[in-house]
Amino acid sequence: QVQLVESGGGLVRAGGSLTVSCAASGRTISTYAMGWFRQAPGKEREFVASISRSGITTYYADSVKGRFTISRDNAKNTVYLRMNSMTPEDTAVYYCAAGPSVERRQAVDFSSWGQGTQVAGSS
């Protein structure tokens, strides 16, 4: 099973940008679709974005479409989430996860998870 470690979280002013990373070990991520999820205090974990094994196909939640970009570097065994035009509503713990298919958007479909990285958007 692949092990995932997120990094790069922090405090960002409204309108600012941040990139979080997810480094994998144990197995190559090239055999997985990868996803980013987030969980705000008192809320359920929600889908943010997913990317296919090749990186060609991506999906986004409507709330982040046009602002966030998911990418991957299979050679570095790393997945990224670039967040632009951030708002306080983007405040959450961000998790990366490995799953079977880029079309899956339910957390239950993803088999491996990182510990999360805290992202806070200030007004």
PDB file of N, CA and C in Angstrom:
ATOM      1  N   GLN A   1       0.836  -1.183   0.000  1.00  0.00           N
ATOM      2  CA  GLN A   1       0.000   0.000   0.000  1.00  0.00           C
ATOM      3  C   GLN A   1       0.880   1.245   0.000  1.00  0.00           C
ATOM      4  N   VAL A   2       0.415   2.260  -0.658  1.00  0.00           N
ATOM      5  CA  VAL A   2       1.207   3.477  -0.764  1.00  0.00           C
ATOM      6  C   VAL A   2       1.007   4.334   0.480  1.00  0.00           C
ATOM      7  N   GLN A   3       2.086   4.962   0.942  1.00  0.00           N
ATOM      8  CA  GLN A   3       2.023   5.899   2.056  1.00  0.00           C
ATOM      9  C   GLN A   3       2.091   7.318   1.498  1.00  0.00           C
ATOM     10  N   LEU A   4       1.267   8.217   2.057  1.00  0.00           N
ATOM     11  CA  LEU A   4       1.148   9.575   1.532  1.00  0.00           C
ATOM     12  C   LEU A   4       1.402  10.591   2.633  1.00  0.00           C
ATOM     13  N   VAL A   5       2.163  11.623   2.305  1.00  0.00           N
ATOM     14  CA  VAL A   5       2.453  12.686   3.265  1.00  0.00           C
ATOM     15  C   VAL A   5       2.230  14.034   2.601  1.00  0.00           C
ATOM     16  N   GLU A   6       1.296  14.799   3.128  1.00  0.00           N
ATOM     17  CA  GLU A   6       1.011  16.131   2.607  1.00  0.00           C
ATOM     18  C   GLU A   6       1.916  17.166   3.269  1.00  0.00           C
ATOM     19  N   SER A   7       2.161  18.252   2.552  1.00  0.00           N
ATOM     20  CA  SER A   7       2.938  19.356   3.092  1.00  0.00           C
ATOM     21  C   SER A   7       2.576  20.624   2.349  1.00  0.00           C
ATOM     22  N   GLY A   8       3.001  21.755   2.915  1.00  0.00           N
ATOM     23  CA  GLY A   8       2.819  23.024   2.231  1.00  0.00           C
ATOM     24  C   GLY A   8       1.658  23.859   2.710  1.00  0.00           C
ATOM     25  N   GLY A   9       0.927  23.383   3.699  1.00  0.00           N
ATOM     26  CA  GLY A   9      -0.200  24.159   4.203  1.00  0.00           C
ATOM     27  C   GLY A   9       0.254  25.426   4.905  1.00  0.00           C
ATOM     28  N   GLY A  10      -0.692  26.321   5.162  1.00  0.00           N
ATOM     29  CA  GLY A  10      -0.366  27.556   5.849  1.00  0.00           C
ATOM     30  C   GLY A  10      -1.518  28.532   5.801  1.00  0.00           C
ATOM     31  N   LEU A  11      -1.224  29.774   6.195  1.00  0.00           N
ATOM     32  CA  LEU A  11      -2.216  30.842   6.221  1.00  0.00           C
ATOM     33  C   LEU A  11      -2.045  31.703   4.982  1.00  0.00           C
ATOM     34  N   VAL A  12      -3.134  31.945   4.286  1.00  0.00           N
ATOM     35  CA  VAL A  12      -3.099  32.712   3.048  1.00  0.00           C
ATOM     36  C   VAL A  12      -4.177  33.793   3.095  1.00  0.00           C
ATOM     37  N   ARG A  13      -3.839  34.989   2.671  1.00  0.00           N
ATOM     38  CA  ARG A  13      -4.810  36.072   2.618  1.00  0.00           C
ATOM     39  C   ARG A  13      -5.794  35.838   1.481  1.00  0.00           C
ATOM     40  N   ALA A  14      -6.966  36.376   1.638  1.00  0.00           N
ATOM     41  CA  ALA A  14      -7.982  36.275   0.595  1.00  0.00           C
ATOM     42  C   ALA A  14      -7.410  36.797  -0.723  1.00  0.00           C
ATOM     43  N   GLY A  15      -7.610  35.994  -1.753  1.00  0.00           N
ATOM     44  CA  GLY A  15      -7.079  36.344  -3.055  1.00  0.00           C
ATOM     45  C   GLY A  15      -5.692  35.801  -3.327  1.00  0.00           C
ATOM     46  N   GLY A  16      -5.075  35.270  -2.297  1.00  0.00           N
ATOM     47  CA  GLY A  16      -3.727  34.742  -2.437  1.00  0.00           C
ATOM     48  C   GLY A  16      -3.690  33.332  -2.989  1.00  0.00           C
ATOM     49  N   SER A  17      -2.472  32.791  -3.086  1.00  0.00           N
ATOM     50  CA  SER A  17      -2.259  31.470  -3.667  1.00  0.00           C
ATOM     51  C   SER A  17      -1.391  30.612  -2.763  1.00  0.00           C
ATOM     52  N   LEU A  18      -1.562  29.316  -2.925  1.00  0.00           N
ATOM     53  CA  LEU A  18      -0.781  28.360  -2.145  1.00  0.00           C
ATOM     54  C   LEU A  18      -0.746  27.053  -2.915  1.00  0.00           C
ATOM     55  N   THR A  19       0.371  26.356  -2.831  1.00  0.00           N
ATOM     56  CA  THR A  19       0.478  25.020  -3.412  1.00  0.00           C
ATOM     57  C   THR A  19       0.785  24.021  -2.307  1.00  0.00           C
ATOM     58  N   VAL A  20      -0.028  22.993  -2.216  1.00  0.00           N
ATOM     59  CA  VAL A  20       0.225  21.902  -1.293  1.00  0.00           C
ATOM     60  C   VAL A  20       0.691  20.690  -2.094  1.00  0.00           C
ATOM     61  N   SER A  21       1.529  19.885  -1.450  1.00  0.00           N
ATOM     62  CA  SER A  21       2.122  18.732  -2.108  1.00  0.00           C
ATOM     63  C   SER A  21       1.786  17.456  -1.358  1.00  0.00           C
ATOM     64  N   CYS A  22       1.877  16.364  -2.061  1.00  0.00           N
ATOM     65  CA  CYS A  22       1.629  15.051  -1.480  1.00  0.00           C
ATOM     66  C   CYS A  22       2.717  14.112  -1.988  1.00  0.00           C
ATOM     67  N   ALA A  23       3.616  13.727  -1.105  1.00  0.00           N
ATOM     68  CA  ALA A  23       4.713  12.831  -1.467  1.00  0.00           C
ATOM     69  C   ALA A  23       4.349  11.403  -1.109  1.00  0.00           C
ATOM     70  N   ALA A  24       4.572  10.509  -2.050  1.00  0.00           N
ATOM     71  CA  ALA A  24       4.217   9.110  -1.844  1.00  0.00           C
ATOM     72  C   ALA A  24       5.465   8.264  -1.660  1.00  0.00           C
ATOM     73  N   SER A  25       5.295   7.176  -0.931  1.00  0.00           N
ATOM     74  CA  SER A  25       6.368   6.203  -0.767  1.00  0.00           C
ATOM     75  C   SER A  25       5.754   4.814  -0.649  1.00  0.00           C
ATOM     76  N   GLY A  26       6.579   3.817  -0.813  1.00  0.00           N
ATOM     77  CA  GLY A  26       6.106   2.447  -0.688  1.00  0.00           C
ATOM     78  C   GLY A  26       5.684   1.827  -2.000  1.00  0.00           C
ATOM     79  N   ARG A  27       4.997   2.590  -2.817  1.00  0.00           N
ATOM     80  CA  ARG A  27       4.594   2.149  -4.144  1.00  0.00           C
ATOM     81  C   ARG A  27       4.575   3.364  -5.061  1.00  0.00           C
ATOM     82  N   THR A  28       4.684   3.110  -6.340  1.00  0.00           N
ATOM     83  CA  THR A  28       4.602   4.205  -7.282  1.00  0.00           C
ATOM     84  C   THR A  28       3.167   4.663  -7.445  1.00  0.00           C
ATOM     85  N   ILE A  29       2.956   5.975  -7.502  1.00  0.00           N
ATOM     86  CA  ILE A  29       1.596   6.490  -7.657  1.00  0.00           C
ATOM     87  C   ILE A  29       1.098   6.337  -9.085  1.00  0.00           C
ATOM     88  N   SER A  30       1.968   5.938 -10.002  1.00  0.00           N
ATOM     89  CA  SER A  30       1.552   5.820 -11.406  1.00  0.00           C
ATOM     90  C   SER A  30       0.469   4.766 -11.602  1.00  0.00           C
ATOM     91  N   THR A  31       0.276   3.905 -10.619  1.00  0.00           N
ATOM     92  CA  THR A  31      -0.761   2.889 -10.711  1.00  0.00           C
ATOM     93  C   THR A  31      -2.076   3.344 -10.085  1.00  0.00           C
ATOM     94  N   TYR A  32      -2.132   4.582  -9.605  1.00  0.00           N
ATOM     95  CA  TYR A  32      -3.317   5.091  -8.925  1.00  0.00           C
ATOM     96  C   TYR A  32      -3.831   6.366  -9.586  1.00  0.00           C
ATOM     97  N   ALA A  33      -5.132   6.514  -9.582  1.00  0.00           N
ATOM     98  CA  ALA A  33      -5.690   7.849  -9.710  1.00  0.00           C
ATOM     99  C   ALA A  33      -5.483   8.516  -8.351  1.00  0.00           C
ATOM    100  N   MET A  34      -5.305   9.822  -8.353  1.00  0.00           N
ATOM    101  CA  MET A  34      -5.051  10.534  -7.101  1.00  0.00           C
ATOM    102  C   MET A  34      -6.108  11.618  -6.909  1.00  0.00           C
ATOM    103  N   GLY A  35      -6.407  11.886  -5.666  1.00  0.00           N
ATOM    104  CA  GLY A  35      -7.409  12.901  -5.372  1.00  0.00           C
ATOM    105  C   GLY A  35      -7.008  13.775  -4.204  1.00  0.00           C
ATOM    106  N   TRP A  36      -7.594  14.954  -4.175  1.00  0.00           N
ATOM    107  CA  TRP A  36      -7.495  15.836  -3.019  1.00  0.00           C
ATOM    108  C   TRP A  36      -8.892  16.016  -2.426  1.00  0.00           C
ATOM    109  N   PHE A  37      -8.966  15.929  -1.120  1.00  0.00           N
ATOM    110  CA  PHE A  37     -10.186  16.175  -0.375  1.00  0.00           C
ATOM    111  C   PHE A  37      -9.888  17.217   0.693  1.00  0.00           C
ATOM    112  N   ARG A  38     -10.931  17.785   1.263  1.00  0.00           N
ATOM    113  CA  ARG A  38     -10.722  18.711   2.362  1.00  0.00           C
ATOM    114  C   ARG A  38     -11.833  18.550   3.389  1.00  0.00           C
ATOM    115  N   GLN A  39     -11.518  18.915   4.604  1.00  0.00           N
ATOM    116  CA  GLN A  39     -12.493  18.829   5.686  1.00  0.00           C
ATOM    117  C   GLN A  39     -12.375  20.057   6.572  1.00  0.00           C
ATOM    118  N   ALA A  40     -13.440  20.838   6.576  1.00  0.00           N
ATOM    119  CA  ALA A  40     -13.508  22.022   7.426  1.00  0.00           C
ATOM    120  C   ALA A  40     -14.081  21.635   8.782  1.00  0.00           C
ATOM    121  N   PRO A  41     -13.829  22.434   9.812  1.00  0.00           N
ATOM    122  CA  PRO A  41     -14.343  22.118  11.152  1.00  0.00           C
ATOM    123  C   PRO A  41     -15.856  21.949  11.144  1.00  0.00           C
ATOM    124  N   GLY A  42     -16.313  20.845  11.710  1.00  0.00           N
ATOM    125  CA  GLY A  42     -17.740  20.605  11.809  1.00  0.00           C
ATOM    126  C   GLY A  42     -18.406  20.146  10.533  1.00  0.00           C
ATOM    127  N   LYS A  43     -17.613  19.915   9.492  1.00  0.00           N
ATOM    128  CA  LYS A  43     -18.188  19.498   8.209  1.00  0.00           C
ATOM    129  C   LYS A  43     -17.626  18.151   7.786  1.00  0.00           C
ATOM    130  N   GLU A  44     -18.313  17.535   6.845  1.00  0.00           N
ATOM    131  CA  GLU A  44     -17.837  16.268   6.317  1.00  0.00           C
ATOM    132  C   GLU A  44     -16.685  16.495   5.336  1.00  0.00           C
ATOM    133  N   ARG A  45     -15.896  15.455   5.152  1.00  0.00           N
ATOM    134  CA  ARG A  45     -14.814  15.516   4.178  1.00  0.00           C
ATOM    135  C   ARG A  45     -15.431  15.603   2.776  1.00  0.00           C
ATOM    136  N   GLU A  46     -14.920  16.519   1.966  1.00  0.00           N
ATOM    137  CA  GLU A  46     -15.487  16.715   0.639  1.00  0.00           C
ATOM    138  C   GLU A  46     -14.430  16.618  -0.448  1.00  0.00           C
ATOM    139  N   PHE A  47     -14.876  16.185  -1.591  1.00  0.00           N
ATOM    140  CA  PHE A  47     -14.019  16.062  -2.767  1.00  0.00           C
ATOM    141  C   PHE A  47     -13.604  17.439  -3.257  1.00  0.00           C
ATOM    142  N   VAL A  48     -12.350  17.560  -3.650  1.00  0.00           N
ATOM    143  CA  VAL A  48     -11.836  18.802  -4.221  1.00  0.00           C
ATOM    144  C   VAL A  48     -11.441  18.598  -5.685  1.00  0.00           C
ATOM    145  N   ALA A  49     -10.590  17.603  -5.931  1.00  0.00           N
ATOM    146  CA  ALA A  49     -10.102  17.381  -7.293  1.00  0.00           C
ATOM    147  C   ALA A  49      -9.534  15.972  -7.415  1.00  0.00           C
ATOM    148  N   SER A  50      -9.501  15.476  -8.647  1.00  0.00           N
ATOM    149  CA  SER A  50      -8.878  14.180  -8.909  1.00  0.00           C
ATOM    150  C   SER A  50      -8.140  14.236 -10.238  1.00  0.00           C
ATOM    151  N   ILE A  51      -7.193  13.323 -10.388  1.00  0.00           N
ATOM    152  CA  ILE A  51      -6.376  13.289 -11.597  1.00  0.00           C
ATOM    153  C   ILE A  51      -6.116  11.836 -11.967  1.00  0.00           C
ATOM    154  N   SER A  52      -6.139  11.575 -13.261  1.00  0.00           N
ATOM    155  CA  SER A  52      -5.942  10.214 -13.740  1.00  0.00           C
ATOM    156  C   SER A  52      -4.487   9.784 -13.595  1.00  0.00           C
ATOM    157  N   ARG A  53      -4.238   8.505 -13.816  1.00  0.00           N
ATOM    158  CA  ARG A  53      -2.888   7.959 -13.684  1.00  0.00           C
ATOM    159  C   ARG A  53      -1.893   8.677 -14.586  1.00  0.00           C
ATOM    160  N   SER A  54      -2.309   9.016 -15.764  1.00  0.00           N
ATOM    161  CA  SER A  54      -1.416   9.682 -16.723  1.00  0.00           C
ATOM    162  C   SER A  54      -1.329  11.179 -16.505  1.00  0.00           C
ATOM    163  N   GLY A  55      -2.306  11.720 -15.776  1.00  0.00           N
ATOM    164  CA  GLY A  55      -2.360  13.159 -15.585  1.00  0.00           C
ATOM    165  C   GLY A  55      -3.154  13.889 -16.641  1.00  0.00           C
ATOM    166  N   ILE A  56      -3.679  13.164 -17.614  1.00  0.00           N
ATOM    167  CA  ILE A  56      -4.379  13.808 -18.723  1.00  0.00           C
ATOM    168  C   ILE A  56      -5.772  14.280 -18.316  1.00  0.00           C
ATOM    169  N   THR A  57      -6.456  13.491 -17.508  1.00  0.00           N
ATOM    170  CA  THR A  57      -7.832  13.808 -17.130  1.00  0.00           C
ATOM    171  C   THR A  57      -7.887  14.307 -15.691  1.00  0.00           C
ATOM    172  N   THR A  58      -8.631  15.392 -15.498  1.00  0.00           N
ATOM    173  CA  THR A  58      -8.824  15.939 -14.161  1.00  0.00           C
ATOM    174  C   THR A  58     -10.295  16.282 -13.936  1.00  0.00           C
ATOM    175  N   TYR A  59     -10.699  16.247 -12.694  1.00  0.00           N
ATOM    176  CA  TYR A  59     -12.041  16.651 -12.293  1.00  0.00           C
ATOM    177  C   TYR A  59     -11.924  17.576 -11.081  1.00  0.00           C
ATOM    178  N   TYR A  60     -12.884  18.499 -10.978  1.00  0.00           N
ATOM    179  CA  TYR A  60     -12.875  19.449  -9.878  1.00  0.00           C
ATOM    180  C   TYR A  60     -14.277  19.610  -9.293  1.00  0.00           C
ATOM    181  N   ALA A  61     -14.323  19.894  -8.005  1.00  0.00           N
ATOM    182  CA  ALA A  61     -15.580  20.301  -7.404  1.00  0.00           C
ATOM    183  C   ALA A  61     -15.956  21.671  -7.958  1.00  0.00           C
ATOM    184  N   ASP A  62     -17.245  21.925  -8.060  1.00  0.00           N
ATOM    185  CA  ASP A  62     -17.696  23.214  -8.607  1.00  0.00           C
ATOM    186  C   ASP A  62     -17.155  24.385  -7.799  1.00  0.00           C
ATOM    187  N   SER A  63     -16.980  24.194  -6.513  1.00  0.00           N
ATOM    188  CA  SER A  63     -16.554  25.288  -5.639  1.00  0.00           C
ATOM    189  C   SER A  63     -15.115  25.732  -5.892  1.00  0.00           C
ATOM    190  N   VAL A  64     -14.317  24.894  -6.548  1.00  0.00           N
ATOM    191  CA  VAL A  64     -12.912  25.245  -6.780  1.00  0.00           C
ATOM    192  C   VAL A  64     -12.568  25.324  -8.261  1.00  0.00           C
ATOM    193  N   LYS A  65     -13.497  24.969  -9.115  1.00  0.00           N
ATOM    194  CA  LYS A  65     -13.232  24.947 -10.554  1.00  0.00           C
ATOM    195  C   LYS A  65     -12.824  26.332 -11.037  1.00  0.00           C
ATOM    196  N   GLY A  66     -11.737  26.382 -11.788  1.00  0.00           N
ATOM    197  CA  GLY A  66     -11.225  27.648 -12.287  1.00  0.00           C
ATOM    198  C   GLY A  66     -10.246  28.326 -11.342  1.00  0.00           C
ATOM    199  N   ARG A  67     -10.182  27.860 -10.101  1.00  0.00           N
ATOM    200  CA  ARG A  67      -9.258  28.447  -9.112  1.00  0.00           C
ATOM    201  C   ARG A  67      -8.154  27.478  -8.704  1.00  0.00           C
ATOM    202  N   PHE A  68      -8.489  26.190  -8.620  1.00  0.00           N
ATOM    203  CA  PHE A  68      -7.527  25.183  -8.179  1.00  0.00           C
ATOM    204  C   PHE A  68      -7.076  24.341  -9.373  1.00  0.00           C
ATOM    205  N   THR A  69      -5.840  23.869  -9.288  1.00  0.00           N
ATOM    206  CA  THR A  69      -5.302  22.985 -10.318  1.00  0.00           C
ATOM    207  C   THR A  69      -4.586  21.811  -9.668  1.00  0.00           C
ATOM    208  N   ILE A  70      -4.998  20.605 -10.027  1.00  0.00           N
ATOM    209  CA  ILE A  70      -4.319  19.405  -9.562  1.00  0.00           C
ATOM    210  C   ILE A  70      -3.344  18.955 -10.634  1.00  0.00           C
ATOM    211  N   SER A  71      -2.174  18.491 -10.198  1.00  0.00           N
ATOM    212  CA  SER A  71      -1.177  17.983 -11.138  1.00  0.00           C
ATOM    213  C   SER A  71      -0.387  16.872 -10.447  1.00  0.00           C
ATOM    214  N   ARG A  72       0.368  16.165 -11.242  1.00  0.00           N
ATOM    215  CA  ARG A  72       1.163  15.073 -10.678  1.00  0.00           C
ATOM    216  C   ARG A  72       2.480  14.943 -11.435  1.00  0.00           C
ATOM    217  N   ASP A  73       3.477  14.444 -10.738  1.00  0.00           N
ATOM    218  CA  ASP A  73       4.771  14.128 -11.321  1.00  0.00           C
ATOM    219  C   ASP A  73       5.077  12.695 -10.913  1.00  0.00           C
ATOM    220  N   ASN A  74       4.767  11.759 -11.777  1.00  0.00           N
ATOM    221  CA  ASN A  74       4.947  10.348 -11.428  1.00  0.00           C
ATOM    222  C   ASN A  74       6.418  10.006 -11.195  1.00  0.00           C
ATOM    223  N   ALA A  75       7.316  10.696 -11.876  1.00  0.00           N
ATOM    224  CA  ALA A  75       8.745  10.440 -11.681  1.00  0.00           C
ATOM    225  C   ALA A  75       9.189  10.816 -10.271  1.00  0.00           C
ATOM    226  N   LYS A  76       8.542  11.836  -9.716  1.00  0.00           N
ATOM    227  CA  LYS A  76       8.853  12.269  -8.347  1.00  0.00           C
ATOM    228  C   LYS A  76       7.903  11.655  -7.323  1.00  0.00           C
ATOM    229  N   ASN A  77       6.947  10.872  -7.822  1.00  0.00           N
ATOM    230  CA  ASN A  77       5.975  10.232  -6.928  1.00  0.00           C
ATOM    231  C   ASN A  77       5.245  11.263  -6.066  1.00  0.00           C
ATOM    232  N   THR A  78       4.850  12.365  -6.701  1.00  0.00           N
ATOM    233  CA  THR A  78       4.275  13.494  -5.972  1.00  0.00           C
ATOM    234  C   THR A  78       3.062  14.044  -6.718  1.00  0.00           C
ATOM    235  N   VAL A  79       2.081  14.470  -5.929  1.00  0.00           N
ATOM    236  CA  VAL A  79       0.884  15.118  -6.457  1.00  0.00           C
ATOM    237  C   VAL A  79       0.800  16.515  -5.857  1.00  0.00           C
ATOM    238  N   TYR A  80       0.272  17.453  -6.629  1.00  0.00           N
ATOM    239  CA  TYR A  80       0.208  18.841  -6.191  1.00  0.00           C
ATOM    240  C   TYR A  80      -1.218  19.372  -6.302  1.00  0.00           C
ATOM    241  N   LEU A  81      -1.498  20.384  -5.502  1.00  0.00           N
ATOM    242  CA  LEU A  81      -2.742  21.126  -5.639  1.00  0.00           C
ATOM    243  C   LEU A  81      -2.395  22.605  -5.546  1.00  0.00           C
ATOM    244  N   ARG A  82      -2.545  23.306  -6.650  1.00  0.00           N
ATOM    245  CA  ARG A  82      -2.308  24.740  -6.698  1.00  0.00           C
ATOM    246  C   ARG A  82      -3.630  25.444  -6.458  1.00  0.00           C
ATOM    247  N   MET A  83      -3.656  26.313  -5.472  1.00  0.00           N
ATOM    248  CA  MET A  83      -4.879  27.009  -5.085  1.00  0.00           C
ATOM    249  C   MET A  83      -4.697  28.505  -5.301  1.00  0.00           C
ATOM    250  N   ASN A  84      -5.506  29.078  -6.168  1.00  0.00           N
ATOM    251  CA  ASN A  84      -5.470  30.505  -6.459  1.00  0.00           C
ATOM    252  C   ASN A  84      -6.762  31.175  -6.006  1.00  0.00           C
ATOM    253  N   SER A  85      -6.714  32.482  -5.884  1.00  0.00           N
ATOM    254  CA  SER A  85      -7.895  33.268  -5.520  1.00  0.00           C
ATOM    255  C   SER A  85      -8.585  32.678  -4.291  1.00  0.00           C
ATOM    256  N   MET A  86      -7.813  32.428  -3.297  1.00  0.00           N
ATOM    257  CA  MET A  86      -8.338  31.741  -2.119  1.00  0.00           C
ATOM    258  C   MET A  86      -9.267  32.645  -1.316  1.00  0.00           C
ATOM    259  N   THR A  87     -10.204  32.007  -0.640  1.00  0.00           N
ATOM    260  CA  THR A  87     -11.169  32.697   0.207  1.00  0.00           C
ATOM    261  C   THR A  87     -11.184  32.047   1.587  1.00  0.00           C
ATOM    262  N   PRO A  88     -11.778  32.697   2.570  1.00  0.00           N
ATOM    263  CA  PRO A  88     -11.880  32.066   3.892  1.00  0.00           C
ATOM    264  C   PRO A  88     -12.625  30.728   3.839  1.00  0.00           C
ATOM    265  N   GLU A  89     -13.500  30.567   2.855  1.00  0.00           N
ATOM    266  CA  GLU A  89     -14.258  29.314   2.732  1.00  0.00           C
ATOM    267  C   GLU A  89     -13.373  28.140   2.309  1.00  0.00           C
ATOM    268  N   ASP A  90     -12.154  28.406   1.890  1.00  0.00           N
ATOM    269  CA  ASP A  90     -11.217  27.331   1.530  1.00  0.00           C
ATOM    270  C   ASP A  90     -10.478  26.791   2.753  1.00  0.00           C
ATOM    271  N   THR A  91     -10.727  27.384   3.900  1.00  0.00           N
ATOM    272  CA  THR A  91     -10.076  26.927   5.126  1.00  0.00           C
ATOM    273  C   THR A  91     -10.502  25.507   5.462  1.00  0.00           C
ATOM    274  N   ALA A  92      -9.517  24.614   5.596  1.00  0.00           N
ATOM    275  CA  ALA A  92      -9.799  23.205   5.870  1.00  0.00           C
ATOM    276  C   ALA A  92      -8.477  22.458   6.030  1.00  0.00           C
ATOM    277  N   VAL A  93      -8.587  21.231   6.478  1.00  0.00           N
ATOM    278  CA  VAL A  93      -7.459  20.314   6.388  1.00  0.00           C
ATOM    279  C   VAL A  93      -7.562  19.629   5.029  1.00  0.00           C
ATOM    280  N   TYR A  94      -6.482  19.672   4.289  1.00  0.00           N
ATOM    281  CA  TYR A  94      -6.459  19.107   2.941  1.00  0.00           C
ATOM    282  C   TYR A  94      -5.750  17.759   2.967  1.00  0.00           C
ATOM    283  N   TYR A  95      -6.412  16.766   2.383  1.00  0.00           N
ATOM    284  CA  TYR A  95      -5.890  15.402   2.354  1.00  0.00           C
ATOM    285  C   TYR A  95      -5.694  14.949   0.913  1.00  0.00           C
ATOM    286  N   CYS A  96      -4.618  14.227   0.671  1.00  0.00           N
ATOM    287  CA  CYS A  96      -4.505  13.551  -0.613  1.00  0.00           C
ATOM    288  C   CYS A  96      -4.811  12.070  -0.417  1.00  0.00           C
ATOM    289  N   ALA A  97      -5.237  11.435  -1.486  1.00  0.00           N
ATOM    290  CA  ALA A  97      -5.657  10.050  -1.397  1.00  0.00           C
ATOM    291  C   ALA A  97      -5.399   9.346  -2.722  1.00  0.00           C
ATOM    292  N   ALA A  98      -5.165   8.049  -2.632  1.00  0.00           N
ATOM    293  CA  ALA A  98      -4.949   7.219  -3.816  1.00  0.00           C
ATOM    294  C   ALA A  98      -6.181   6.361  -4.039  1.00  0.00           C
ATOM    295  N   GLY A  99      -6.622   6.317  -5.299  1.00  0.00           N
ATOM    296  CA  GLY A  99      -7.847   5.583  -5.600  1.00  0.00           C
ATOM    297  C   GLY A  99      -7.792   4.854  -6.917  1.00  0.00           C
ATOM    298  N   PRO A 100      -8.874   4.168  -7.262  1.00  0.00           N
ATOM    299  CA  PRO A 100      -8.886   3.304  -8.438  1.00  0.00           C
ATOM    300  C   PRO A 100      -9.188   4.022  -9.754  1.00  0.00           C
ATOM    301  N   SER A 101      -9.849   5.173  -9.682  1.00  0.00           N
ATOM    302  CA  SER A 101     -10.320   5.793 -10.911  1.00  0.00           C
ATOM    303  C   SER A 101     -10.508   7.290 -10.727  1.00  0.00           C
ATOM    304  N   VAL A 102     -10.194   8.061 -11.749  1.00  0.00           N
ATOM    305  CA  VAL A 102     -10.313   9.513 -11.666  1.00  0.00           C
ATOM    306  C   VAL A 102     -11.773   9.952 -11.534  1.00  0.00           C
ATOM    307  N   GLU A 103     -12.711   9.094 -11.980  1.00  0.00           N
ATOM    308  CA  GLU A 103     -14.123   9.466 -11.910  1.00  0.00           C
ATOM    309  C   GLU A 103     -14.705   9.370 -10.509  1.00  0.00           C
ATOM    310  N   ARG A 104     -14.015   8.656  -9.594  1.00  0.00           N
ATOM    311  CA  ARG A 104     -14.537   8.489  -8.245  1.00  0.00           C
ATOM    312  C   ARG A 104     -14.400   9.779  -7.456  1.00  0.00           C
ATOM    313  N   ARG A 105     -15.457  10.135  -6.711  1.00  0.00           N
ATOM    314  CA  ARG A 105     -15.440  11.359  -5.923  1.00  0.00           C
ATOM    315  C   ARG A 105     -15.823  11.129  -4.478  1.00  0.00           C
ATOM    316  N   GLN A 106     -16.080   9.900  -4.125  1.00  0.00           N
ATOM    317  CA  GLN A 106     -16.443   9.588  -2.751  1.00  0.00           C
ATOM    318  C   GLN A 106     -15.209   9.148  -1.978  1.00  0.00           C
ATOM    319  N   ALA A 107     -15.061   9.664  -0.775  1.00  0.00           N
ATOM    320  CA  ALA A 107     -13.896   9.324   0.034  1.00  0.00           C
ATOM    321  C   ALA A 107     -13.780   7.818   0.254  1.00  0.00           C
ATOM    322  N   VAL A 108     -14.891   7.146   0.341  1.00  0.00           N
ATOM    323  CA  VAL A 108     -14.885   5.712   0.616  1.00  0.00           C
ATOM    324  C   VAL A 108     -14.219   4.927  -0.520  1.00  0.00           C
ATOM    325  N   ASP A 109     -14.137   5.500  -1.697  1.00  0.00           N
ATOM    326  CA  ASP A 109     -13.530   4.817  -2.846  1.00  0.00           C
ATOM    327  C   ASP A 109     -12.012   4.894  -2.860  1.00  0.00           C
ATOM    328  N   PHE A 110     -11.440   5.725  -2.001  1.00  0.00           N
ATOM    329  CA  PHE A 110      -9.992   5.916  -1.977  1.00  0.00           C
ATOM    330  C   PHE A 110      -9.391   5.098  -0.838  1.00  0.00           C
ATOM    331  N   SER A 111      -8.343   4.351  -1.158  1.00  0.00           N
ATOM    332  CA  SER A 111      -7.832   3.342  -0.226  1.00  0.00           C
ATOM    333  C   SER A 111      -6.702   3.824   0.669  1.00  0.00           C
ATOM    334  N   SER A 112      -5.945   4.809   0.225  1.00  0.00           N
ATOM    335  CA  SER A 112      -4.807   5.276   1.015  1.00  0.00           C
ATOM    336  C   SER A 112      -4.927   6.784   1.219  1.00  0.00           C
ATOM    337  N   TRP A 113      -4.605   7.223   2.433  1.00  0.00           N
ATOM    338  CA  TRP A 113      -4.758   8.628   2.793  1.00  0.00           C
ATOM    339  C   TRP A 113      -3.522   9.144   3.520  1.00  0.00           C
ATOM    340  N   GLY A 114      -3.259  10.430   3.317  1.00  0.00           N
ATOM    341  CA  GLY A 114      -2.251  11.090   4.109  1.00  0.00           C
ATOM    342  C   GLY A 114      -2.850  11.599   5.413  1.00  0.00           C
ATOM    343  N   GLN A 115      -2.031  12.268   6.209  1.00  0.00           N
ATOM    344  CA  GLN A 115      -2.481  12.762   7.515  1.00  0.00           C
ATOM    345  C   GLN A 115      -3.116  14.143   7.408  1.00  0.00           C
ATOM    346  N   GLY A 116      -2.953  14.791   6.268  1.00  0.00           N
ATOM    347  CA  GLY A 116      -3.560  16.094   6.047  1.00  0.00           C
ATOM    348  C   GLY A 116      -2.625  17.252   6.338  1.00  0.00           C
ATOM    349  N   THR A 117      -2.906  18.377   5.709  1.00  0.00           N
ATOM    350  CA  THR A 117      -2.167  19.609   5.962  1.00  0.00           C
ATOM    351  C   THR A 117      -3.167  20.746   6.105  1.00  0.00           C
ATOM    352  N   GLN A 118      -2.989  21.587   7.104  1.00  0.00           N
ATOM    353  CA  GLN A 118      -3.948  22.646   7.403  1.00  0.00           C
ATOM    354  C   GLN A 118      -3.724  23.845   6.492  1.00  0.00           C
ATOM    355  N   VAL A 119      -4.822  24.289   5.893  1.00  0.00           N
ATOM    356  CA  VAL A 119      -4.813  25.480   5.053  1.00  0.00           C
ATOM    357  C   VAL A 119      -5.855  26.442   5.606  1.00  0.00           C
ATOM    358  N   ALA A 120      -5.460  27.675   5.786  1.00  0.00           N
ATOM    359  CA  ALA A 120      -6.389  28.680   6.310  1.00  0.00           C
ATOM    360  C   ALA A 120      -6.360  29.899   5.402  1.00  0.00           C
ATOM    361  N   GLY A 121      -7.525  30.309   4.956  1.00  0.00           N
ATOM    362  CA  GLY A 121      -7.650  31.509   4.165  1.00  0.00           C
ATOM    363  C   GLY A 121      -8.222  32.622   5.027  1.00  0.00           C
ATOM    364  N   SER A 122      -7.528  33.720   5.125  1.00  0.00           N
ATOM    365  CA  SER A 122      -7.978  34.817   5.970  1.00  0.00           C
ATOM    366  C   SER A 122      -8.655  35.899   5.145  1.00  0.00           C
ATOM    367  N   SER A 123      -9.550  36.630   5.778  1.00  0.00           N
ATOM    368  CA  SER A 123     -10.267  37.710   5.073  1.00  0.00           C
ATOM    369  C   SER A 123      -9.486  39.007   5.122  1.00  0.00           C
TER     370      SER A 123
END
